[in-house]
Amino acid sequence: MSNPAREERLSRIRTERLAQLGTLLAGFAHEVRNPLSTIGLNLQLVLEDFREPEAPRDKRTQKRLAVVEAEVRRLQKILEEFLGFARAPEPRLQPVDLNRRLAALVDFHEPELRERGLTLRFYPGPEVGTVAADWDHVQAAVVNLLRNAADATPPGGQVFVSTAREPGFVLVRVTDTGAGIPPELQPRVFEPYFSTKKCGTGLGLPTARRVAAEHGGSLSLESEPGRGTQFTLRLAAPAGAGEGAEGQP
């Protein structure tokens, strides 16, 4: 027979231990970051000494050092994303003109995607208006979704960003015409450190989902192999909320 008080106490203990573990790991990552940066800097200096190798031994040394430097950069990326995931500040909600902000974001990233042979378009929904949000957090989530969409889409494909309003929420959708995600992998894409990309850290989507939760919403996906993927970021937007000039409380 279940004991609600005991289960609640055990749940509280587990939560406290997870919080302590998170703090410990964040501190560990922070301590590792500085010596790793020193290693990376010194590797770059050594590689400069082997910039134009002539002897076979020097060529082999240059190649091995380049591999080590690439791995150091990968570790630095993992550490930075982990610290961002573990120590994300509390969101500061302010009225944000979502369509205007997203239009600027798409304009900024459009040349990069065009160079990769992709088309990027924005379709603003009517009556989206303003939403109470921390734009820095939302922007980071949308940029992550954009990068994932671009990585999943071959040259000649398309990526779309669109907005819509539904009762209680504003939706931001990022859609691509890429390879899609196999059904057996779809339940795992939000797991920390799970990634289908060779150089992925597996923290981008968990971070984006947390941003959605911070804003009283959710992050979901629909995908069909061979046809593409759509991520939907929902932000809580009760009727009448977020009214007023952007940037003002």
Protein backbone atom coordinates (compact mmCIF):
# COMPACT_ATOMS: atom_id res chain seq x y z
CA MET A 1 0.00 0.00 0.00
CA SER A 2 1.42 3.34 -1.05
CA ASN A 3 2.34 5.99 1.49
CA PRO A 4 1.89 9.47 -0.10
CA ALA A 5 3.93 11.24 2.60
CA ARG A 6 6.83 8.80 2.20
CA GLU A 7 6.73 9.04 -1.61
CA GLU A 8 6.69 12.83 -1.42
CA ARG A 9 9.68 12.79 0.93
CA LEU A 10 11.63 10.43 -1.34
CA SER A 11 10.79 12.58 -4.36
CA ARG A 12 12.04 15.67 -2.53
CA ILE A 13 15.28 13.88 -1.59
CA ARG A 14 15.83 12.78 -5.20
CA THR A 15 15.21 16.32 -6.43
CA GLU A 16 17.66 17.76 -3.91
CA ARG A 17 20.31 15.19 -4.85
CA LEU A 18 19.85 15.90 -8.55
CA ALA A 19 20.19 19.63 -7.86
CA GLN A 20 23.38 19.00 -5.86
CA LEU A 21 24.73 16.78 -8.62
CA GLY A 22 23.95 19.44 -11.21
CA THR A 23 25.78 22.07 -9.16
CA LEU A 24 28.75 19.73 -8.71
CA LEU A 25 28.96 18.92 -12.42
CA ALA A 26 28.62 22.58 -13.39
CA GLY A 27 31.49 23.44 -11.02
CA PHE A 28 33.57 20.61 -12.46
CA ALA A 29 32.93 21.78 -16.01
CA HIS A 30 33.87 25.32 -15.06
CA GLU A 31 37.16 24.16 -13.53
CA VAL A 32 37.97 22.05 -16.60
CA ARG A 33 37.25 24.90 -19.01
CA ASN A 34 40.25 27.05 -18.05
CA PRO A 35 43.01 24.42 -18.45
CA LEU A 36 41.32 23.18 -21.62
CA SER A 37 41.49 26.71 -23.04
CA THR A 38 45.20 26.85 -22.16
CA ILE A 39 45.77 23.51 -23.91
CA GLY A 40 43.92 24.73 -27.00
CA LEU A 41 45.89 27.97 -27.15
CA ASN A 42 49.23 26.19 -26.84
CA LEU A 43 48.24 23.67 -29.49
CA GLN A 44 47.54 26.55 -31.88
CA LEU A 45 50.98 28.01 -31.13
CA VAL A 46 52.69 24.67 -31.72
CA LEU A 47 50.76 24.17 -34.97
CA GLU A 48 52.08 27.53 -36.17
CA ASP A 49 55.59 26.10 -35.80
CA PHE A 50 54.54 23.26 -38.14
CA ARG A 51 52.69 25.47 -40.61
CA GLU A 52 54.88 24.41 -43.57
CA PRO A 53 56.32 21.00 -42.66
CA GLU A 54 58.90 19.53 -45.00
CA ALA A 55 60.24 16.43 -43.30
CA PRO A 56 57.92 13.38 -43.18
CA ARG A 57 58.19 13.33 -39.40
CA ASP A 58 57.07 16.97 -39.18
CA LYS A 59 54.13 16.25 -41.49
CA ARG A 60 53.02 13.36 -39.29
CA THR A 61 53.37 15.54 -36.20
CA GLN A 62 51.33 18.32 -37.77
CA LYS A 63 48.54 15.90 -38.70
CA ARG A 64 48.40 14.42 -35.19
CA LEU A 65 48.42 17.85 -33.55
CA ALA A 66 45.59 18.98 -35.83
CA VAL A 67 43.51 15.99 -34.71
CA VAL A 68 44.19 16.79 -31.05
CA GLU A 69 43.29 20.45 -31.57
CA ALA A 70 39.99 19.50 -33.25
CA GLU A 71 39.12 17.26 -30.29
CA VAL A 72 39.98 20.05 -27.84
CA ARG A 73 37.66 22.41 -29.72
CA ARG A 74 34.93 19.78 -29.60
CA LEU A 75 35.38 19.39 -25.84
CA GLN A 76 35.25 23.18 -25.42
CA LYS A 77 31.97 23.27 -27.34
CA ILE A 78 30.50 20.49 -25.17
CA LEU A 79 31.58 22.29 -22.00
CA GLU A 80 30.14 25.63 -23.08
CA GLU A 81 26.80 24.08 -24.00
CA PHE A 82 26.72 22.10 -20.77
CA LEU A 83 27.40 25.21 -18.70
CA GLY A 84 24.70 27.04 -20.61
CA PHE A 85 22.29 24.18 -19.92
CA ALA A 86 23.22 23.83 -16.24
CA ARG A 87 23.46 27.51 -15.32
CA ALA A 88 20.86 29.17 -17.48
CA PRO A 89 19.58 32.31 -15.70
CA GLU A 90 15.94 32.70 -14.82
CA PRO A 91 14.01 34.22 -17.74
CA ARG A 92 13.15 37.91 -17.55
CA LEU A 93 9.78 38.24 -19.23
CA GLN A 94 9.02 41.40 -21.16
CA PRO A 95 6.58 42.19 -23.98
CA VAL A 96 8.17 41.07 -27.25
CA ASP A 97 6.90 41.81 -30.77
CA LEU A 98 7.49 38.25 -31.90
CA ASN A 99 6.92 38.66 -35.65
CA ARG A 100 9.24 41.67 -35.83
CA ARG A 101 11.99 39.94 -33.87
CA LEU A 102 11.73 36.72 -35.88
CA ALA A 103 11.74 38.61 -39.18
CA ALA A 104 15.04 40.23 -38.19
CA LEU A 105 16.41 36.86 -37.08
CA VAL A 106 15.51 35.23 -40.39
CA ASP A 107 17.01 38.14 -42.35
CA PHE A 108 20.25 37.71 -40.40
CA HIS A 109 20.53 33.95 -41.06
CA GLU A 110 19.23 33.95 -44.64
CA PRO A 111 22.61 34.69 -46.31
CA GLU A 112 24.29 31.85 -44.38
CA LEU A 113 21.67 29.33 -45.49
CA ARG A 114 21.73 30.68 -49.04
CA GLU A 115 25.48 29.98 -49.20
CA ARG A 116 24.65 26.39 -48.26
CA GLY A 117 22.17 26.15 -51.14
CA LEU A 118 19.08 26.45 -48.94
CA THR A 119 16.08 28.75 -49.07
CA LEU A 120 14.97 30.34 -45.79
CA ARG A 121 11.59 32.09 -45.57
CA PHE A 122 9.48 33.61 -42.81
CA TYR A 123 5.68 33.47 -42.73
CA PRO A 124 4.30 35.67 -39.93
CA GLY A 125 0.89 34.74 -38.65
CA PRO A 126 -1.79 37.41 -38.20
CA GLU A 127 -2.77 38.65 -34.75
CA VAL A 128 0.33 37.20 -33.10
CA GLY A 129 1.07 40.56 -31.47
CA THR A 130 3.31 40.71 -28.44
CA VAL A 131 4.11 37.91 -26.03
CA ALA A 132 5.64 38.03 -22.55
CA ALA A 133 9.01 36.37 -23.13
CA ASP A 134 12.73 36.52 -22.52
CA TRP A 135 13.85 37.19 -26.09
CA ASP A 136 17.44 36.12 -25.46
CA HIS A 137 16.24 32.68 -24.38
CA VAL A 138 13.64 32.35 -27.15
CA GLN A 139 16.13 33.52 -29.76
CA ALA A 140 18.67 30.91 -28.66
CA ALA A 141 16.02 28.19 -28.93
CA VAL A 142 14.90 29.27 -32.41
CA VAL A 143 18.49 29.58 -33.66
CA ASN A 144 19.15 26.04 -32.47
CA LEU A 145 16.09 24.79 -34.33
CA LEU A 146 17.20 26.68 -37.44
CA ARG A 147 20.66 25.14 -37.33
CA ASN A 148 19.23 21.66 -36.88
CA ALA A 149 16.89 22.23 -39.82
CA ALA A 150 19.73 23.48 -42.02
CA ASP A 151 21.96 20.54 -41.07
CA ALA A 152 19.16 18.09 -41.92
CA THR A 153 18.37 19.63 -45.31
CA PRO A 154 20.42 18.96 -48.46
CA PRO A 155 21.26 21.74 -50.95
CA GLY A 156 18.20 22.81 -52.89
CA GLY A 157 15.94 22.30 -49.88
CA GLN A 158 13.90 24.79 -47.92
CA VAL A 159 13.58 25.93 -44.32
CA PHE A 160 10.54 27.85 -43.10
CA VAL A 161 9.88 29.82 -39.93
CA SER A 162 6.25 30.67 -39.22
CA THR A 163 4.10 31.94 -36.37
CA ALA A 164 0.49 31.44 -35.38
CA ARG A 165 -1.78 32.03 -32.44
CA GLU A 166 -4.03 29.49 -30.77
CA PRO A 167 -6.03 29.81 -27.54
CA GLY A 168 -3.59 30.54 -24.75
CA PHE A 169 -0.42 30.19 -26.85
CA VAL A 170 1.69 31.68 -29.60
CA LEU A 171 3.38 29.12 -31.85
CA VAL A 172 6.77 29.38 -33.53
CA ARG A 173 7.29 26.65 -36.12
CA VAL A 174 10.56 25.73 -37.81
CA THR A 175 10.01 23.42 -40.77
CA ASP A 176 12.50 21.81 -43.14
CA THR A 177 12.30 19.67 -46.27
CA GLY A 178 15.17 17.46 -45.16
CA ALA A 179 15.62 13.77 -44.54
CA GLY A 180 13.26 13.58 -41.57
CA ILE A 181 13.76 11.67 -38.33
CA PRO A 182 13.14 7.91 -38.18
CA PRO A 183 10.13 7.08 -35.98
CA GLU A 184 12.23 4.97 -33.60
CA LEU A 185 14.51 7.94 -32.88
CA GLN A 186 11.84 10.61 -32.45
CA PRO A 187 11.12 9.83 -28.75
CA ARG A 188 14.83 10.27 -27.96
CA VAL A 189 15.65 13.57 -29.65
CA PHE A 190 14.94 15.58 -26.48
CA GLU A 191 17.19 13.41 -24.29
CA PRO A 192 20.36 15.20 -23.09
CA TYR A 193 23.46 14.11 -25.03
CA PHE A 194 21.51 12.18 -27.65
CA SER A 195 22.43 13.41 -31.12
CA THR A 196 22.22 12.03 -34.64
CA LYS A 197 24.92 14.48 -35.79
CA LYS A 198 28.55 13.43 -35.74
CA CYS A 199 29.66 16.62 -34.00
CA GLY A 200 26.47 17.31 -32.08
CA THR A 201 26.52 17.75 -28.31
CA GLY A 202 22.95 16.60 -27.77
CA LEU A 203 22.08 19.60 -25.57
CA GLY A 204 20.48 21.92 -28.12
CA LEU A 205 17.00 20.40 -28.16
CA PRO A 206 16.83 19.76 -24.38
CA THR A 207 17.77 23.41 -23.88
CA ALA A 208 15.12 24.56 -26.35
CA ARG A 209 12.51 22.41 -24.59
CA ARG A 210 13.49 23.94 -21.25
CA VAL A 211 13.08 27.43 -22.74
CA ALA A 212 9.57 26.45 -23.80
CA ALA A 213 8.78 25.14 -20.31
CA GLU A 214 10.13 28.35 -18.75
CA HIS A 215 7.59 30.22 -20.85
CA GLY A 216 4.69 28.00 -19.83
CA GLY A 217 4.71 26.13 -23.11
CA SER A 218 6.19 23.11 -24.83
CA LEU A 219 8.34 21.95 -27.73
CA SER A 220 7.08 19.19 -29.99
CA LEU A 221 7.98 17.68 -33.34
CA GLU A 222 6.37 16.08 -36.35
CA SER A 223 8.58 14.28 -38.81
CA GLU A 224 8.25 12.00 -41.80
CA PRO A 225 11.35 10.31 -43.19
CA GLY A 226 12.11 11.57 -46.67
CA ARG A 227 9.82 14.58 -46.39
CA GLY A 228 11.10 16.70 -43.53
CA THR A 229 10.58 17.78 -39.94
CA GLN A 230 8.62 20.47 -38.14
CA PHE A 231 9.36 21.64 -34.60
CA THR A 232 6.69 23.67 -32.83
CA LEU A 233 7.69 25.95 -29.97
CA ARG A 234 4.67 26.96 -27.88
CA LEU A 235 4.86 30.06 -25.68
CA ALA A 236 2.11 30.83 -23.19
CA ALA A 237 0.20 33.90 -24.33
CA PRO A 238 -3.11 34.31 -22.50
CA ALA A 239 -5.53 36.76 -24.06
CA GLY A 240 -4.49 40.30 -23.15
CA ALA A 241 -1.05 39.27 -21.88
CA GLY A 242 2.05 40.92 -23.26
CA GLU A 243 0.26 44.05 -24.39
CA GLY A 244 2.20 47.27 -24.53
CA ALA A 245 5.43 48.58 -25.96
CA GLU A 246 8.22 46.06 -26.41
CA GLY A 247 10.88 46.13 -23.75
CA GLN A 248 8.65 47.75 -21.15
CA PRO A 249 7.25 45.88 -18.15
